[in-house]
Amino acid sequence: MAYNEFNARIASEELVIVEFYAEWNGDCDVTRVAIEELSSQMPNRVKHLRIDIDLPRNYPITKAYNIYSVPTVLLFCNGRIEWRARGVGSARQLHKIVVRLLAQTIAL
């Protein structure tokens, strides 16, 4: 994904979960499953982007967001990073964070 396209996608959605991953990393599968489960529960509220760190076209994105290990997950709310973690323990943990962020955006 081109850097400009990435920036447009995270800015155009209310809440975007960006998963930085590598095919060779088994922990990335656990994170992917948790994010996909959450995304399926909240399809109109949460968008999911996956960025493969090993693809040269993604290097500008990984560099801009200082991604040095995978899986790394960033939550963008209206284009701003609101949460960052290395991996995600469970869909339930992620759900709590997403609900809190969505509640904050409604309160604004």
C-alpha atoms as a PDB file:
ATOM      1  CA  MET A   1       0.000   0.000   0.000  1.00  0.00           C
ATOM      2  CA  ALA A   2       1.358   3.399  -0.893  1.00  0.00           C
ATOM      3  CA  TYR A   3       2.075   5.795   1.968  1.00  0.00           C
ATOM      4  CA  ASN A   4      -0.412   8.390   0.658  1.00  0.00           C
ATOM      5  CA  GLU A   5      -3.131   5.756   0.291  1.00  0.00           C
ATOM      6  CA  PHE A   6      -2.466   4.556   3.850  1.00  0.00           C
ATOM      7  CA  ASN A   7      -2.795   8.080   5.237  1.00  0.00           C
ATOM      8  CA  ALA A   8      -6.022   8.631   3.312  1.00  0.00           C
ATOM      9  CA  ARG A   9      -7.512   5.381   4.650  1.00  0.00           C
ATOM     10  CA  ILE A  10      -6.702   6.081   8.301  1.00  0.00           C
ATOM     11  CA  ALA A  11      -8.045   9.624   7.990  1.00  0.00           C
ATOM     12  CA  SER A  12     -11.270   8.678   6.218  1.00  0.00           C
ATOM     13  CA  GLU A  13     -12.592   6.238   8.803  1.00  0.00           C
ATOM     14  CA  GLU A  14     -13.731   6.813  12.361  1.00  0.00           C
ATOM     15  CA  LEU A  15     -11.737   3.906  13.800  1.00  0.00           C
ATOM     16  CA  VAL A  16      -9.060   1.897  12.000  1.00  0.00           C
ATOM     17  CA  ILE A  17      -7.095  -0.993  13.460  1.00  0.00           C
ATOM     18  CA  VAL A  18      -3.782  -1.289  11.657  1.00  0.00           C
ATOM     19  CA  GLU A  19      -2.003  -4.593  12.055  1.00  0.00           C
ATOM     20  CA  PHE A  20       1.665  -4.728  11.103  1.00  0.00           C
ATOM     21  CA  TYR A  21       2.600  -8.347  10.476  1.00  0.00           C
ATOM     22  CA  ALA A  22       4.940 -10.792   8.770  1.00  0.00           C
ATOM     23  CA  GLU A  23       3.920 -14.086   7.189  1.00  0.00           C
ATOM     24  CA  TRP A  24       6.729 -15.947   8.960  1.00  0.00           C
ATOM     25  CA  ASN A  25       5.668 -14.861  12.473  1.00  0.00           C
ATOM     26  CA  GLY A  26       3.237 -17.224  14.233  1.00  0.00           C
ATOM     27  CA  ASP A  27       2.205 -14.591  16.810  1.00  0.00           C
ATOM     28  CA  CYS A  28       0.818 -12.540  13.939  1.00  0.00           C
ATOM     29  CA  ASP A  29      -1.787 -15.242  13.280  1.00  0.00           C
ATOM     30  CA  VAL A  30      -3.096 -14.952  16.853  1.00  0.00           C
ATOM     31  CA  THR A  31      -3.335 -11.187  16.522  1.00  0.00           C
ATOM     32  CA  ARG A  32      -5.025 -11.415  13.119  1.00  0.00           C
ATOM     33  CA  VAL A  33      -7.687 -13.768  14.443  1.00  0.00           C
ATOM     34  CA  ALA A  34      -8.467 -11.460  17.390  1.00  0.00           C
ATOM     35  CA  ILE A  35      -8.765  -8.425  15.120  1.00  0.00           C
ATOM     36  CA  GLU A  36     -10.883 -10.234  12.549  1.00  0.00           C
ATOM     37  CA  GLU A  37     -13.220 -11.428  15.314  1.00  0.00           C
ATOM     38  CA  LEU A  38     -13.649  -7.890  16.578  1.00  0.00           C
ATOM     39  CA  SER A  39     -14.090  -6.493  13.063  1.00  0.00           C
ATOM     40  CA  SER A  40     -16.842  -9.003  12.367  1.00  0.00           C
ATOM     41  CA  GLN A  41     -18.628  -7.968  15.572  1.00  0.00           C
ATOM     42  CA  MET A  42     -18.475  -4.265  14.675  1.00  0.00           C
ATOM     43  CA  PRO A  43     -18.377  -4.179  10.856  1.00  0.00           C
ATOM     44  CA  ASN A  44     -19.759  -0.667  10.475  1.00  0.00           C
ATOM     45  CA  ARG A  45     -17.635   0.873  13.217  1.00  0.00           C
ATOM     46  CA  VAL A  46     -14.178  -0.657  12.820  1.00  0.00           C
ATOM     47  CA  LYS A  47     -11.987  -1.039   9.753  1.00  0.00           C
ATOM     48  CA  HIS A  48      -8.997  -3.368   9.654  1.00  0.00           C
ATOM     49  CA  LEU A  49      -5.850  -2.761   7.626  1.00  0.00           C
ATOM     50  CA  ARG A  50      -3.024  -5.288   7.425  1.00  0.00           C
ATOM     51  CA  ILE A  51       0.460  -4.086   6.533  1.00  0.00           C
ATOM     52  CA  ASP A  52       3.072  -6.719   5.660  1.00  0.00           C
ATOM     53  CA  ILE A  53       6.378  -5.329   6.916  1.00  0.00           C
ATOM     54  CA  ASP A  54       8.373  -7.465   4.475  1.00  0.00           C
ATOM     55  CA  LEU A  55       6.960  -5.842   1.340  1.00  0.00           C
ATOM     56  CA  PRO A  56       9.220  -3.036   0.089  1.00  0.00           C
ATOM     57  CA  ARG A  57       6.234  -0.863  -0.850  1.00  0.00           C
ATOM     58  CA  ASN A  58       5.282  -0.789   2.859  1.00  0.00           C
ATOM     59  CA  TYR A  59       8.693   0.360   4.119  1.00  0.00           C
ATOM     60  CA  PRO A  60       7.729   4.065   4.184  1.00  0.00           C
ATOM     61  CA  ILE A  61       4.731   3.243   6.409  1.00  0.00           C
ATOM     62  CA  THR A  62       6.691   1.026   8.787  1.00  0.00           C
ATOM     63  CA  LYS A  63       9.430   3.636   9.023  1.00  0.00           C
ATOM     64  CA  ALA A  64       7.002   6.503   9.634  1.00  0.00           C
ATOM     65  CA  TYR A  65       5.369   4.646  12.525  1.00  0.00           C
ATOM     66  CA  ASN A  66       8.575   3.147  13.959  1.00  0.00           C
ATOM     67  CA  ILE A  67       7.550  -0.463  13.495  1.00  0.00           C
ATOM     68  CA  TYR A  68      10.464  -2.642  14.572  1.00  0.00           C
ATOM     69  CA  SER A  69       8.703  -5.815  15.719  1.00  0.00           C
ATOM     70  CA  VAL A  70       5.613  -7.768  14.800  1.00  0.00           C
ATOM     71  CA  PRO A  71       2.858  -8.082  15.457  1.00  0.00           C
ATOM     72  CA  THR A  72       2.324  -4.419  16.237  1.00  0.00           C
ATOM     73  CA  VAL A  73      -1.168  -2.964  16.353  1.00  0.00           C
ATOM     74  CA  LEU A  74      -2.097   0.703  16.090  1.00  0.00           C
ATOM     75  CA  LEU A  75      -5.591   2.076  16.596  1.00  0.00           C
ATOM     76  CA  PHE A  76      -6.313   5.251  14.697  1.00  0.00           C
ATOM     77  CA  CYS A  77      -9.319   7.341  15.607  1.00  0.00           C
ATOM     78  CA  ASN A  78     -10.099  10.021  13.022  1.00  0.00           C
ATOM     79  CA  GLY A  79      -6.551   9.807  11.686  1.00  0.00           C
ATOM     80  CA  ARG A  80      -4.735  10.038  15.055  1.00  0.00           C
ATOM     81  CA  ILE A  81      -2.969   7.212  16.879  1.00  0.00           C
ATOM     82  CA  GLU A  82      -4.951   6.547  20.045  1.00  0.00           C
ATOM     83  CA  TRP A  83      -3.451   3.218  21.097  1.00  0.00           C
ATOM     84  CA  ARG A  84      -0.426   1.121  20.268  1.00  0.00           C
ATOM     85  CA  ALA A  85       0.633  -2.340  21.377  1.00  0.00           C
ATOM     86  CA  ARG A  86       2.855  -5.205  20.430  1.00  0.00           C
ATOM     87  CA  GLY A  87       0.330  -7.901  19.644  1.00  0.00           C
ATOM     88  CA  VAL A  88      -3.143  -8.324  21.056  1.00  0.00           C
ATOM     89  CA  GLY A  89      -3.948 -10.851  23.739  1.00  0.00           C
ATOM     90  CA  SER A  90      -7.553 -11.444  22.790  1.00  0.00           C
ATOM     91  CA  ALA A  91     -10.503 -10.065  20.907  1.00  0.00           C
ATOM     92  CA  ARG A  92     -12.102  -9.267  24.276  1.00  0.00           C
ATOM     93  CA  GLN A  93      -9.148  -7.099  25.344  1.00  0.00           C
ATOM     94  CA  LEU A  94      -9.217  -5.283  22.024  1.00  0.00           C
ATOM     95  CA  HIS A  95     -13.005  -4.902  22.213  1.00  0.00           C
ATOM     96  CA  LYS A  96     -12.720  -3.040  25.540  1.00  0.00           C
ATOM     97  CA  ILE A  97     -10.213  -0.602  24.073  1.00  0.00           C
ATOM     98  CA  VAL A  98     -12.291  -0.031  20.940  1.00  0.00           C
ATOM     99  CA  VAL A  99     -15.489   0.557  22.915  1.00  0.00           C
ATOM    100  CA  ARG A 100     -13.683   3.104  25.097  1.00  0.00           C
ATOM    101  CA  LEU A 101     -12.350   4.940  22.041  1.00  0.00           C
ATOM    102  CA  LEU A 102     -15.739   4.950  20.336  1.00  0.00           C
ATOM    103  CA  ALA A 103     -17.356   6.312  23.498  1.00  0.00           C
ATOM    104  CA  GLN A 104     -14.801   9.126  23.549  1.00  0.00           C
ATOM    105  CA  THR A 105     -15.546  10.070  19.948  1.00  0.00           C
ATOM    106  CA  ILE A 106     -19.290  10.152  20.643  1.00  0.00           C
ATOM    107  CA  ALA A 107     -18.689  12.373  23.687  1.00  0.00           C
ATOM    108  CA  LEU A 108     -16.784  14.893  21.583  1.00  0.00           C
END
